[in-house]
């Protein structure tokens, strides 16, 4: 059994999002952004 100690971390980006109607900075993974799970604040 050959195991590696490498950790597979998500690609997190700190962006402005809309949370409960207010603008807020948060760390969001790029997969969530592409899937439309998080609404980006403009």
N, C-alpha and C. Protein backbone atom coordinates (compact mmCIF):
# COMPACT_ATOMS: atom_id res chain seq x y z
N UNK A 1 0.84 -1.18 0.00
CA UNK A 1 0.00 0.00 0.00
C UNK A 1 0.89 1.24 0.00
N UNK A 2 0.81 2.01 -1.07
CA UNK A 2 1.60 3.23 -1.19
C UNK A 2 0.70 4.44 -0.99
N UNK A 3 0.85 5.09 0.14
CA UNK A 3 0.06 6.28 0.43
C UNK A 3 0.96 7.50 0.42
N UNK A 4 0.37 8.62 0.09
CA UNK A 4 1.11 9.87 0.08
C UNK A 4 0.57 10.78 1.17
N UNK A 5 1.39 11.68 1.65
CA UNK A 5 0.97 12.59 2.71
C UNK A 5 0.43 13.90 2.14
N UNK A 6 0.28 13.96 0.82
CA UNK A 6 -0.22 15.17 0.18
C UNK A 6 -1.66 15.40 0.56
N UNK A 7 -2.02 16.65 0.86
CA UNK A 7 -3.40 17.02 1.18
C UNK A 7 -4.04 17.64 -0.05
N UNK A 8 -5.25 17.22 -0.36
CA UNK A 8 -6.00 17.77 -1.49
C UNK A 8 -6.93 18.85 -0.95
N UNK A 9 -6.49 20.10 -1.08
CA UNK A 9 -7.24 21.23 -0.55
C UNK A 9 -8.09 21.89 -1.63
N UNK A 10 -9.25 22.45 -1.26
CA UNK A 10 -10.08 23.15 -2.24
C UNK A 10 -9.45 24.47 -2.66
N UNK A 11 -9.79 24.92 -3.85
CA UNK A 11 -9.29 26.19 -4.39
C UNK A 11 -10.17 27.31 -3.84
N UNK A 12 -9.75 27.94 -2.75
CA UNK A 12 -10.54 28.98 -2.10
C UNK A 12 -10.11 30.37 -2.58
N UNK A 13 -11.11 31.21 -2.80
CA UNK A 13 -10.89 32.59 -3.22
C UNK A 13 -11.66 33.50 -2.26
N UNK A 14 -11.04 34.62 -1.85
CA UNK A 14 -11.73 35.58 -1.00
C UNK A 14 -12.42 36.60 -1.89
N UNK A 15 -13.75 36.56 -1.91
CA UNK A 15 -14.52 37.43 -2.79
C UNK A 15 -15.68 38.07 -2.02
N UNK A 16 -16.27 39.10 -2.63
CA UNK A 16 -17.47 39.72 -2.08
C UNK A 16 -18.68 38.92 -2.54
N UNK A 17 -19.51 38.51 -1.60
CA UNK A 17 -20.72 37.76 -1.92
C UNK A 17 -21.92 38.48 -1.32
N UNK A 18 -23.10 38.12 -1.80
CA UNK A 18 -24.34 38.61 -1.21
C UNK A 18 -24.82 37.58 -0.21
N UNK A 19 -24.91 37.98 1.07
CA UNK A 19 -25.35 37.09 2.12
C UNK A 19 -26.48 37.76 2.88
N UNK A 20 -27.67 37.21 2.77
CA UNK A 20 -28.89 37.77 3.37
C UNK A 20 -29.11 39.21 2.92
N UNK A 21 -28.85 39.47 1.64
CA UNK A 21 -29.10 40.78 1.05
C UNK A 21 -28.01 41.81 1.32
N UNK A 22 -26.94 41.41 2.00
CA UNK A 22 -25.85 42.34 2.31
C UNK A 22 -24.55 41.86 1.69
N UNK A 23 -23.69 42.83 1.38
CA UNK A 23 -22.39 42.53 0.80
C UNK A 23 -21.44 42.07 1.91
N UNK A 24 -20.71 40.99 1.65
CA UNK A 24 -19.83 40.43 2.67
C UNK A 24 -18.65 39.71 2.02
N UNK A 25 -17.47 39.79 2.62
CA UNK A 25 -16.31 39.07 2.10
C UNK A 25 -16.27 37.68 2.72
N UNK A 26 -15.98 36.69 1.88
CA UNK A 26 -15.93 35.32 2.37
C UNK A 26 -15.02 34.49 1.48
N UNK A 27 -14.52 33.39 2.03
CA UNK A 27 -13.73 32.44 1.25
C UNK A 27 -14.69 31.45 0.62
N UNK A 28 -14.63 31.34 -0.71
CA UNK A 28 -15.54 30.46 -1.45
C UNK A 28 -14.72 29.63 -2.41
N UNK A 29 -15.04 28.35 -2.54
CA UNK A 29 -14.31 27.50 -3.49
C UNK A 29 -14.79 27.81 -4.91
N UNK A 30 -13.90 27.62 -5.87
CA UNK A 30 -14.20 27.95 -7.26
C UNK A 30 -15.29 27.03 -7.83
N UNK A 31 -15.39 25.81 -7.32
CA UNK A 31 -16.45 24.91 -7.79
C UNK A 31 -17.83 25.45 -7.43
N UNK A 32 -17.95 26.05 -6.25
CA UNK A 32 -19.22 26.64 -5.82
C UNK A 32 -19.56 27.86 -6.65
N UNK A 33 -18.56 28.65 -7.02
CA UNK A 33 -18.79 29.82 -7.86
C UNK A 33 -19.29 29.41 -9.25
N UNK A 34 -18.65 28.40 -9.83
CA UNK A 34 -19.04 27.93 -11.16
C UNK A 34 -20.42 27.30 -11.16
N UNK A 35 -20.75 26.59 -10.08
CA UNK A 35 -22.03 25.90 -9.99
C UNK A 35 -23.18 26.85 -9.68
N UNK A 36 -22.87 28.08 -9.28
CA UNK A 36 -23.92 29.05 -8.98
C UNK A 36 -24.49 28.91 -7.59
N UNK A 37 -23.78 28.24 -6.70
CA UNK A 37 -24.25 28.05 -5.33
C UNK A 37 -24.11 29.33 -4.51
N UNK A 38 -23.22 30.23 -4.96
CA UNK A 38 -22.97 31.49 -4.26
C UNK A 38 -23.16 32.63 -5.25
N UNK A 39 -23.85 33.69 -4.81
CA UNK A 39 -24.06 34.83 -5.69
C UNK A 39 -23.00 35.88 -5.41
N UNK A 40 -22.25 36.23 -6.45
CA UNK A 40 -21.17 37.20 -6.35
C UNK A 40 -21.76 38.61 -6.32
N UNK A 41 -21.28 39.45 -5.38
CA UNK A 41 -21.74 40.83 -5.28
C UNK A 41 -20.99 41.69 -6.29
N UNK A 42 -21.73 42.56 -6.97
CA UNK A 42 -21.10 43.43 -7.96
C UNK A 42 -20.90 44.80 -7.42
